[in-house]
N, C-alpha and C. Protein backbone atom coordinates (compact mmCIF):
# COMPACT_ATOMS: atom_id res chain seq x y z
N MET A 1 211.81 204.04 60.26
CA MET A 1 212.11 202.80 60.95
C MET A 1 210.83 201.97 61.04
N PRO A 2 210.88 200.69 60.72
CA PRO A 2 209.68 199.86 60.80
C PRO A 2 209.17 199.75 62.22
N ALA A 3 207.86 199.51 62.34
CA ALA A 3 207.22 199.44 63.66
C ALA A 3 207.78 198.30 64.51
N SER A 4 208.16 197.19 63.88
CA SER A 4 208.66 196.06 64.65
C SER A 4 209.97 196.39 65.35
N SER A 5 210.84 197.18 64.72
CA SER A 5 212.09 197.53 65.37
C SER A 5 211.87 198.53 66.50
N LEU A 6 210.82 199.37 66.39
CA LEU A 6 210.49 200.29 67.49
C LEU A 6 209.98 199.52 68.69
N ASP A 7 209.18 198.49 68.44
CA ASP A 7 208.62 197.70 69.52
C ASP A 7 209.70 196.95 70.29
N SER A 8 210.77 196.54 69.59
CA SER A 8 211.82 195.80 70.28
C SER A 8 212.59 196.68 71.26
N HIS A 9 212.55 198.00 71.07
CA HIS A 9 213.25 198.92 71.96
C HIS A 9 212.35 199.47 73.07
N ALA A 10 211.05 199.21 72.98
CA ALA A 10 210.14 199.69 74.01
C ALA A 10 210.41 198.91 75.31
N PRO A 11 210.47 199.63 76.45
CA PRO A 11 210.75 198.92 77.70
C PRO A 11 209.59 197.98 78.08
N LYS A 12 209.95 196.85 78.64
CA LYS A 12 208.94 195.91 79.11
C LYS A 12 208.22 196.51 80.31
N LEU A 13 207.09 195.91 80.68
CA LEU A 13 206.25 196.46 81.75
C LEU A 13 207.02 196.62 83.06
N ILE A 14 207.78 195.60 83.44
CA ILE A 14 208.53 195.66 84.70
C ILE A 14 209.55 196.80 84.65
N GLU A 15 210.20 196.99 83.51
CA GLU A 15 211.14 198.10 83.35
C GLU A 15 210.42 199.44 83.46
N GLN A 16 209.23 199.54 82.86
CA GLN A 16 208.44 200.77 82.94
C GLN A 16 208.08 201.08 84.39
N ILE A 17 207.71 200.06 85.13
CA ILE A 17 207.35 200.25 86.55
C ILE A 17 208.56 200.76 87.32
N THR A 18 209.71 200.14 87.11
CA THR A 18 210.93 200.54 87.80
C THR A 18 211.31 201.97 87.45
N ILE A 19 211.27 202.31 86.18
CA ILE A 19 211.62 203.67 85.73
C ILE A 19 210.68 204.69 86.36
N THR A 20 209.38 204.41 86.32
CA THR A 20 208.40 205.36 86.88
C THR A 20 208.58 205.50 88.38
N ALA A 21 208.81 204.41 89.09
CA ALA A 21 209.01 204.46 90.54
C ALA A 21 210.24 205.30 90.89
N ARG A 22 211.30 205.15 90.11
CA ARG A 22 212.52 205.91 90.38
C ARG A 22 212.36 207.39 90.04
N LEU A 23 211.61 207.67 88.99
CA LEU A 23 211.34 209.08 88.64
C LEU A 23 210.51 209.76 89.72
N LYS A 24 209.68 208.98 90.39
CA LYS A 24 208.84 209.51 91.48
C LYS A 24 209.57 209.46 92.82
N HIS A 25 210.83 209.02 92.82
CA HIS A 25 211.67 208.96 94.02
C HIS A 25 211.11 208.06 95.10
N PHE A 26 210.54 206.90 94.69
CA PHE A 26 210.07 205.92 95.66
C PHE A 26 211.28 205.30 96.35
N SER A 27 211.09 204.89 97.59
CA SER A 27 212.17 204.17 98.28
C SER A 27 212.32 202.80 97.61
N LEU A 28 213.49 202.21 97.78
CA LEU A 28 213.75 200.90 97.19
C LEU A 28 212.79 199.85 97.74
N LYS A 29 212.45 199.96 99.03
CA LYS A 29 211.50 199.02 99.65
C LYS A 29 210.13 199.12 98.99
N THR A 30 209.68 200.35 98.75
CA THR A 30 208.37 200.56 98.12
C THR A 30 208.39 200.00 96.70
N GLU A 31 209.46 200.28 95.99
CA GLU A 31 209.59 199.78 94.62
C GLU A 31 209.52 198.26 94.58
N LYS A 32 210.26 197.61 95.46
CA LYS A 32 210.27 196.14 95.50
C LYS A 32 208.90 195.59 95.89
N SER A 33 208.27 196.24 96.84
CA SER A 33 206.96 195.80 97.30
C SER A 33 205.93 195.93 96.17
N TYR A 34 205.94 197.07 95.48
CA TYR A 34 205.01 197.28 94.37
C TYR A 34 205.24 196.25 93.26
N LEU A 35 206.51 196.00 92.93
CA LEU A 35 206.81 195.01 91.90
C LEU A 35 206.29 193.63 92.30
N TYR A 36 206.45 193.28 93.57
CA TYR A 36 205.97 191.98 94.05
C TYR A 36 204.46 191.85 93.82
N TYR A 37 203.69 192.86 94.25
CA TYR A 37 202.23 192.75 94.15
C TYR A 37 201.75 192.85 92.71
N ILE A 38 202.44 193.61 91.88
CA ILE A 38 202.05 193.69 90.47
C ILE A 38 202.30 192.35 89.78
N ARG A 39 203.45 191.75 90.05
CA ARG A 39 203.73 190.42 89.48
C ARG A 39 202.72 189.39 89.98
N ASP A 40 202.40 189.44 91.27
CA ASP A 40 201.43 188.52 91.86
C ASP A 40 200.05 188.70 91.21
N PHE A 41 199.67 189.93 90.95
CA PHE A 41 198.40 190.26 90.29
C PHE A 41 198.36 189.64 88.90
N ILE A 42 199.45 189.77 88.16
CA ILE A 42 199.51 189.22 86.80
C ILE A 42 199.46 187.69 86.85
N ARG A 43 200.20 187.10 87.78
CA ARG A 43 200.16 185.62 87.93
C ARG A 43 198.77 185.14 88.35
N PHE A 44 198.14 185.88 89.25
CA PHE A 44 196.81 185.53 89.74
C PHE A 44 195.82 185.42 88.58
N HIS A 45 196.01 186.28 87.57
CA HIS A 45 195.11 186.27 86.40
C HIS A 45 195.76 185.58 85.20
N HIS A 46 196.58 184.57 85.47
CA HIS A 46 197.15 183.67 84.46
C HIS A 46 197.92 184.42 83.38
N MET A 47 198.79 185.34 83.83
CA MET A 47 199.74 186.05 82.97
C MET A 47 199.09 186.95 81.91
N ARG A 48 197.89 187.42 82.19
CA ARG A 48 197.26 188.39 81.30
C ARG A 48 197.91 189.75 81.52
N HIS A 49 198.02 190.53 80.47
CA HIS A 49 198.59 191.87 80.59
C HIS A 49 197.57 192.76 81.31
N PRO A 50 198.04 193.64 82.18
CA PRO A 50 197.12 194.52 82.91
C PRO A 50 196.23 195.38 82.02
N ARG A 51 196.67 195.70 80.81
CA ARG A 51 195.82 196.49 79.90
C ARG A 51 194.55 195.72 79.51
N GLU A 52 194.62 194.39 79.58
CA GLU A 52 193.47 193.56 79.24
C GLU A 52 192.51 193.40 80.41
N MET A 53 192.90 193.89 81.57
CA MET A 53 192.10 193.71 82.78
C MET A 53 191.60 195.06 83.27
N GLY A 54 190.65 194.99 84.20
CA GLY A 54 190.09 196.22 84.73
C GLY A 54 189.69 196.10 86.19
N VAL A 55 188.66 196.85 86.55
CA VAL A 55 188.23 196.95 87.93
C VAL A 55 187.82 195.60 88.51
N SER A 56 187.11 194.78 87.74
CA SER A 56 186.64 193.50 88.28
C SER A 56 187.81 192.58 88.61
N GLU A 57 188.86 192.60 87.80
CA GLU A 57 190.04 191.77 88.08
C GLU A 57 190.79 192.28 89.31
N ILE A 58 190.87 193.61 89.45
CA ILE A 58 191.52 194.19 90.63
C ILE A 58 190.73 193.79 91.88
N ARG A 59 189.39 193.90 91.82
CA ARG A 59 188.54 193.54 92.95
C ARG A 59 188.72 192.07 93.31
N ASP A 60 188.73 191.19 92.30
CA ASP A 60 188.89 189.75 92.56
C ASP A 60 190.22 189.46 93.25
N TYR A 61 191.30 190.10 92.75
CA TYR A 61 192.63 189.88 93.32
C TYR A 61 192.68 190.35 94.77
N LEU A 62 192.21 191.55 95.03
CA LEU A 62 192.27 192.09 96.39
C LEU A 62 191.35 191.34 97.34
N SER A 63 190.20 190.90 96.85
CA SER A 63 189.28 190.14 97.70
C SER A 63 189.86 188.77 98.04
N SER A 64 190.67 188.22 97.15
CA SER A 64 191.28 186.91 97.43
C SER A 64 192.19 186.98 98.65
N PHE A 65 192.76 188.16 98.91
CA PHE A 65 193.60 188.32 100.10
C PHE A 65 192.80 188.05 101.36
N ALA A 66 191.62 188.60 101.43
CA ALA A 66 190.80 188.46 102.63
C ALA A 66 190.17 187.07 102.71
N LEU A 67 189.76 186.54 101.56
CA LEU A 67 189.02 185.29 101.56
C LEU A 67 189.91 184.05 101.66
N HIS A 68 191.10 184.10 101.04
CA HIS A 68 191.92 182.90 100.96
C HIS A 68 193.28 183.01 101.64
N LYS A 69 193.86 184.21 101.65
CA LYS A 69 195.22 184.34 102.17
C LYS A 69 195.26 184.80 103.63
N HIS A 70 194.15 185.33 104.12
CA HIS A 70 194.04 185.77 105.52
C HIS A 70 195.19 186.69 105.93
N ILE A 71 195.32 187.79 105.21
CA ILE A 71 196.40 188.74 105.47
C ILE A 71 195.88 189.94 106.25
N ALA A 72 196.79 190.78 106.67
CA ALA A 72 196.44 191.98 107.42
C ALA A 72 195.86 193.03 106.48
N PRO A 73 194.97 193.89 106.99
CA PRO A 73 194.40 194.95 106.15
C PRO A 73 195.46 195.85 105.52
N SER A 74 196.54 196.11 106.24
CA SER A 74 197.58 196.99 105.69
C SER A 74 198.25 196.35 104.47
N THR A 75 198.36 195.03 104.44
CA THR A 75 198.94 194.35 103.29
C THR A 75 198.05 194.52 102.07
N GLN A 76 196.76 194.41 102.28
CA GLN A 76 195.82 194.62 101.19
C GLN A 76 195.90 196.06 100.68
N ASN A 77 196.09 197.01 101.59
CA ASN A 77 196.21 198.41 101.19
C ASN A 77 197.45 198.65 100.34
N VAL A 78 198.56 197.99 100.69
CA VAL A 78 199.79 198.12 99.90
C VAL A 78 199.57 197.56 98.50
N ALA A 79 198.91 196.41 98.41
CA ALA A 79 198.63 195.80 97.11
C ALA A 79 197.74 196.72 96.28
N LEU A 80 196.73 197.33 96.90
CA LEU A 80 195.86 198.26 96.19
C LEU A 80 196.66 199.46 95.70
N SER A 81 197.52 200.00 96.53
CA SER A 81 198.35 201.14 96.13
C SER A 81 199.25 200.77 94.96
N ALA A 82 199.80 199.57 94.98
CA ALA A 82 200.67 199.11 93.89
C ALA A 82 199.89 199.04 92.57
N LEU A 83 198.66 198.52 92.64
CA LEU A 83 197.86 198.39 91.41
C LEU A 83 197.39 199.76 90.91
N LEU A 84 197.04 200.65 91.82
CA LEU A 84 196.67 202.00 91.40
C LEU A 84 197.86 202.70 90.76
N PHE A 85 199.05 202.51 91.33
CA PHE A 85 200.27 203.07 90.75
C PHE A 85 200.47 202.52 89.34
N LEU A 86 200.32 201.21 89.19
CA LEU A 86 200.49 200.58 87.88
C LEU A 86 199.56 201.19 86.84
N TYR A 87 198.28 201.24 87.17
CA TYR A 87 197.30 201.71 86.19
C TYR A 87 197.38 203.21 85.96
N GLN A 88 197.47 204.00 87.01
CA GLN A 88 197.40 205.45 86.85
C GLN A 88 198.72 206.08 86.43
N GLN A 89 199.83 205.61 87.02
CA GLN A 89 201.12 206.25 86.76
C GLN A 89 201.89 205.61 85.60
N VAL A 90 201.85 204.29 85.52
CA VAL A 90 202.65 203.59 84.51
C VAL A 90 201.88 203.44 83.20
N LEU A 91 200.67 202.89 83.28
CA LEU A 91 199.88 202.64 82.07
C LEU A 91 199.03 203.84 81.65
N GLN A 92 198.95 204.86 82.52
CA GLN A 92 198.16 206.07 82.23
C GLN A 92 196.69 205.73 81.96
N ILE A 93 196.14 204.81 82.76
CA ILE A 93 194.74 204.42 82.65
C ILE A 93 194.05 204.84 83.95
N GLU A 94 192.99 205.63 83.83
CA GLU A 94 192.27 206.08 85.03
C GLU A 94 191.41 204.93 85.56
N VAL A 95 191.52 204.68 86.84
CA VAL A 95 190.76 203.60 87.48
C VAL A 95 189.67 204.25 88.34
N PRO A 96 188.40 203.90 88.09
CA PRO A 96 187.34 204.45 88.93
C PRO A 96 187.38 203.84 90.33
N PHE A 97 186.60 204.41 91.23
CA PHE A 97 186.53 203.88 92.59
C PHE A 97 186.09 202.41 92.53
N ILE A 98 186.76 201.57 93.28
CA ILE A 98 186.49 200.13 93.24
C ILE A 98 185.62 199.76 94.45
N GLU A 99 184.40 199.36 94.17
CA GLU A 99 183.48 198.98 95.24
C GLU A 99 183.45 197.46 95.39
N GLY A 100 183.06 197.02 96.57
CA GLY A 100 182.83 195.60 96.80
C GLY A 100 184.07 194.78 97.06
N ILE A 101 185.16 195.41 97.47
CA ILE A 101 186.35 194.64 97.81
C ILE A 101 186.14 194.04 99.20
N GLU A 102 186.32 192.73 99.27
CA GLU A 102 186.22 192.04 100.57
C GLU A 102 187.42 192.46 101.41
N ARG A 103 187.17 192.97 102.60
CA ARG A 103 188.25 193.46 103.46
C ARG A 103 188.57 192.43 104.55
N PRO A 104 189.84 192.25 104.86
CA PRO A 104 190.19 191.34 105.96
C PRO A 104 189.82 191.96 107.30
N HIS A 105 189.58 191.12 108.27
CA HIS A 105 189.24 191.60 109.60
C HIS A 105 190.50 191.84 110.40
N ARG A 106 190.48 192.91 111.17
CA ARG A 106 191.63 193.22 112.02
C ARG A 106 191.71 192.21 113.16
N SER A 107 192.92 191.75 113.43
CA SER A 107 193.08 190.83 114.54
C SER A 107 193.01 191.61 115.85
N GLN A 108 192.57 190.94 116.89
CA GLN A 108 192.44 191.57 118.20
C GLN A 108 193.66 191.25 119.06
N ARG A 109 194.84 191.63 118.59
CA ARG A 109 196.06 191.37 119.34
C ARG A 109 196.34 192.51 120.30
N LEU A 110 196.73 192.16 121.46
CA LEU A 110 197.14 193.17 122.43
C LEU A 110 198.65 193.35 122.33
N PRO A 111 199.13 194.58 122.41
CA PRO A 111 200.58 194.78 122.33
C PRO A 111 201.28 194.21 123.55
N VAL A 112 202.48 193.71 123.34
CA VAL A 112 203.28 193.18 124.43
C VAL A 112 204.14 194.32 124.97
N VAL A 113 204.01 194.58 126.25
CA VAL A 113 204.78 195.66 126.88
C VAL A 113 205.55 195.06 128.04
N PHE A 114 206.87 195.30 128.05
CA PHE A 114 207.70 194.82 129.14
C PHE A 114 207.63 195.78 130.32
N SER A 115 207.70 195.22 131.51
CA SER A 115 207.82 196.06 132.70
C SER A 115 209.26 196.57 132.78
N ARG A 116 209.50 197.57 133.61
CA ARG A 116 210.86 198.10 133.75
C ARG A 116 211.82 197.02 134.23
N GLU A 117 211.35 196.16 135.11
CA GLU A 117 212.19 195.10 135.63
C GLU A 117 212.58 194.12 134.53
N GLU A 118 211.62 193.78 133.68
CA GLU A 118 211.91 192.87 132.58
C GLU A 118 212.93 193.48 131.61
N VAL A 119 212.79 194.76 131.33
CA VAL A 119 213.75 195.44 130.45
C VAL A 119 215.13 195.44 131.08
N GLN A 120 215.21 195.70 132.37
CA GLN A 120 216.50 195.70 133.06
C GLN A 120 217.16 194.33 133.01
N LYS A 121 216.36 193.26 133.14
CA LYS A 121 216.91 191.90 133.05
C LYS A 121 217.45 191.62 131.65
N ILE A 122 216.72 192.06 130.64
CA ILE A 122 217.18 191.86 129.26
C ILE A 122 218.48 192.61 129.02
N LEU A 123 218.51 193.90 129.42
CA LEU A 123 219.71 194.71 129.21
C LEU A 123 220.90 194.18 129.99
N ALA A 124 220.66 193.58 131.16
CA ALA A 124 221.76 193.04 131.97
C ALA A 124 222.45 191.87 131.27
N ASN A 125 221.75 191.20 130.35
CA ASN A 125 222.32 190.07 129.63
C ASN A 125 222.93 190.44 128.29
N LEU A 126 222.96 191.73 127.99
CA LEU A 126 223.53 192.19 126.72
C LEU A 126 224.80 192.97 126.97
N GLY A 127 225.61 193.08 125.96
CA GLY A 127 226.83 193.87 126.08
C GLY A 127 227.20 194.49 124.75
N GLY A 128 228.07 195.46 124.79
CA GLY A 128 228.61 196.08 123.58
C GLY A 128 227.55 196.74 122.71
N VAL A 129 227.66 196.49 121.42
CA VAL A 129 226.77 197.10 120.43
C VAL A 129 225.32 196.70 120.67
N PHE A 130 225.08 195.45 121.06
CA PHE A 130 223.71 194.98 121.27
C PHE A 130 223.06 195.72 122.45
N TYR A 131 223.84 196.01 123.48
CA TYR A 131 223.33 196.77 124.62
C TYR A 131 222.94 198.18 124.18
N ILE A 132 223.81 198.83 123.43
CA ILE A 132 223.54 200.20 122.96
C ILE A 132 222.30 200.22 122.06
N MET A 133 222.23 199.28 121.12
CA MET A 133 221.09 199.25 120.20
C MET A 133 219.78 198.99 120.94
N THR A 134 219.80 198.02 121.84
CA THR A 134 218.58 197.69 122.58
C THR A 134 218.16 198.85 123.47
N SER A 135 219.12 199.52 124.07
CA SER A 135 218.81 200.69 124.90
C SER A 135 218.18 201.79 124.07
N LEU A 136 218.70 202.00 122.87
CA LEU A 136 218.11 203.00 121.97
C LEU A 136 216.70 202.61 121.53
N LEU A 137 216.53 201.35 121.20
CA LEU A 137 215.20 200.88 120.79
C LEU A 137 214.18 201.13 121.89
N TYR A 138 214.56 200.78 123.10
CA TYR A 138 213.64 200.92 124.23
C TYR A 138 213.49 202.38 124.65
N GLY A 139 214.61 203.07 124.85
CA GLY A 139 214.57 204.42 125.39
C GLY A 139 214.04 205.46 124.44
N ALA A 140 214.35 205.32 123.15
CA ALA A 140 213.93 206.33 122.18
C ALA A 140 212.70 205.90 121.38
N GLY A 141 212.28 204.66 121.58
CA GLY A 141 211.10 204.18 120.86
C GLY A 141 211.36 203.98 119.38
N LEU A 142 212.61 203.67 119.05
CA LEU A 142 212.96 203.47 117.65
C LEU A 142 212.52 202.10 117.16
N ARG A 143 212.27 202.02 115.87
CA ARG A 143 212.09 200.74 115.22
C ARG A 143 213.47 200.19 114.90
N LEU A 144 213.56 198.89 114.70
CA LEU A 144 214.85 198.26 114.47
C LEU A 144 215.55 198.87 113.25
N ASN A 145 214.82 199.03 112.15
CA ASN A 145 215.43 199.58 110.94
C ASN A 145 215.91 201.01 111.16
N GLU A 146 215.17 201.79 111.94
CA GLU A 146 215.60 203.15 112.25
C GLU A 146 216.90 203.13 113.04
N CYS A 147 217.01 202.22 113.97
CA CYS A 147 218.22 202.10 114.80
C CYS A 147 219.40 201.67 113.94
N LEU A 148 219.18 200.73 113.03
CA LEU A 148 220.27 200.22 112.20
C LEU A 148 220.81 201.28 111.25
N HIS A 149 219.98 202.25 110.89
CA HIS A 149 220.40 203.28 109.95
C HIS A 149 220.83 204.58 110.63
N LEU A 150 220.89 204.58 111.95
CA LEU A 150 221.34 205.77 112.67
C LEU A 150 222.80 206.07 112.36
N ARG A 151 223.11 207.36 112.28
CA ARG A 151 224.49 207.79 112.10
C ARG A 151 224.81 208.76 113.23
N VAL A 152 226.07 208.99 113.47
CA VAL A 152 226.49 209.86 114.56
C VAL A 152 225.89 211.25 114.37
N LYS A 153 225.81 211.72 113.14
CA LYS A 153 225.26 213.06 112.90
C LYS A 153 223.77 213.15 113.24
N ASP A 154 223.10 212.00 113.38
CA ASP A 154 221.68 212.00 113.75
C ASP A 154 221.45 212.21 115.24
N LEU A 155 222.49 212.09 116.02
CA LEU A 155 222.36 212.18 117.48
C LEU A 155 222.70 213.58 117.98
N ASP A 156 221.97 214.04 118.96
CA ASP A 156 222.21 215.35 119.60
C ASP A 156 222.70 215.07 121.02
N PHE A 157 224.01 215.01 121.19
CA PHE A 157 224.59 214.65 122.47
C PHE A 157 224.37 215.76 123.52
N ASP A 158 224.28 217.02 123.09
CA ASP A 158 224.04 218.12 124.04
C ASP A 158 222.67 218.02 124.67
N TYR A 159 221.69 217.55 123.90
CA TYR A 159 220.32 217.45 124.40
C TYR A 159 220.21 216.31 125.39
């Protein structure tokens, strides 16, 4: 078979990323997040293929988060994880330790905590499913997504 017909059947980069993520049993959220940052990385470098780029391009992209986009450090970490996944798992290219990445500063936000009275006032204005969900969020310390995905089998009524 000629080489050109073999190339037409080779999966595109985005397909390779999706296949590799699914083989590694990544959650759908992680897969979507990684695809977003990989596409953003490629766009940031004017649609160059990642094989043509290296550590300096990764450093420039990640540093732009701190310098221009003013994002949270955890967002930069997700983008770094996505790029390491791309290079190491999908493209099979070993990436050395990347030095000199500009890191965003952590914001000094204080958590908002309701008093018991405030929680009681909120719950008094809710009913039905919203009351149950809000009570679970507050009483069990669940995140919203955890509460939304709860099933009856997840609850221990005897306890």
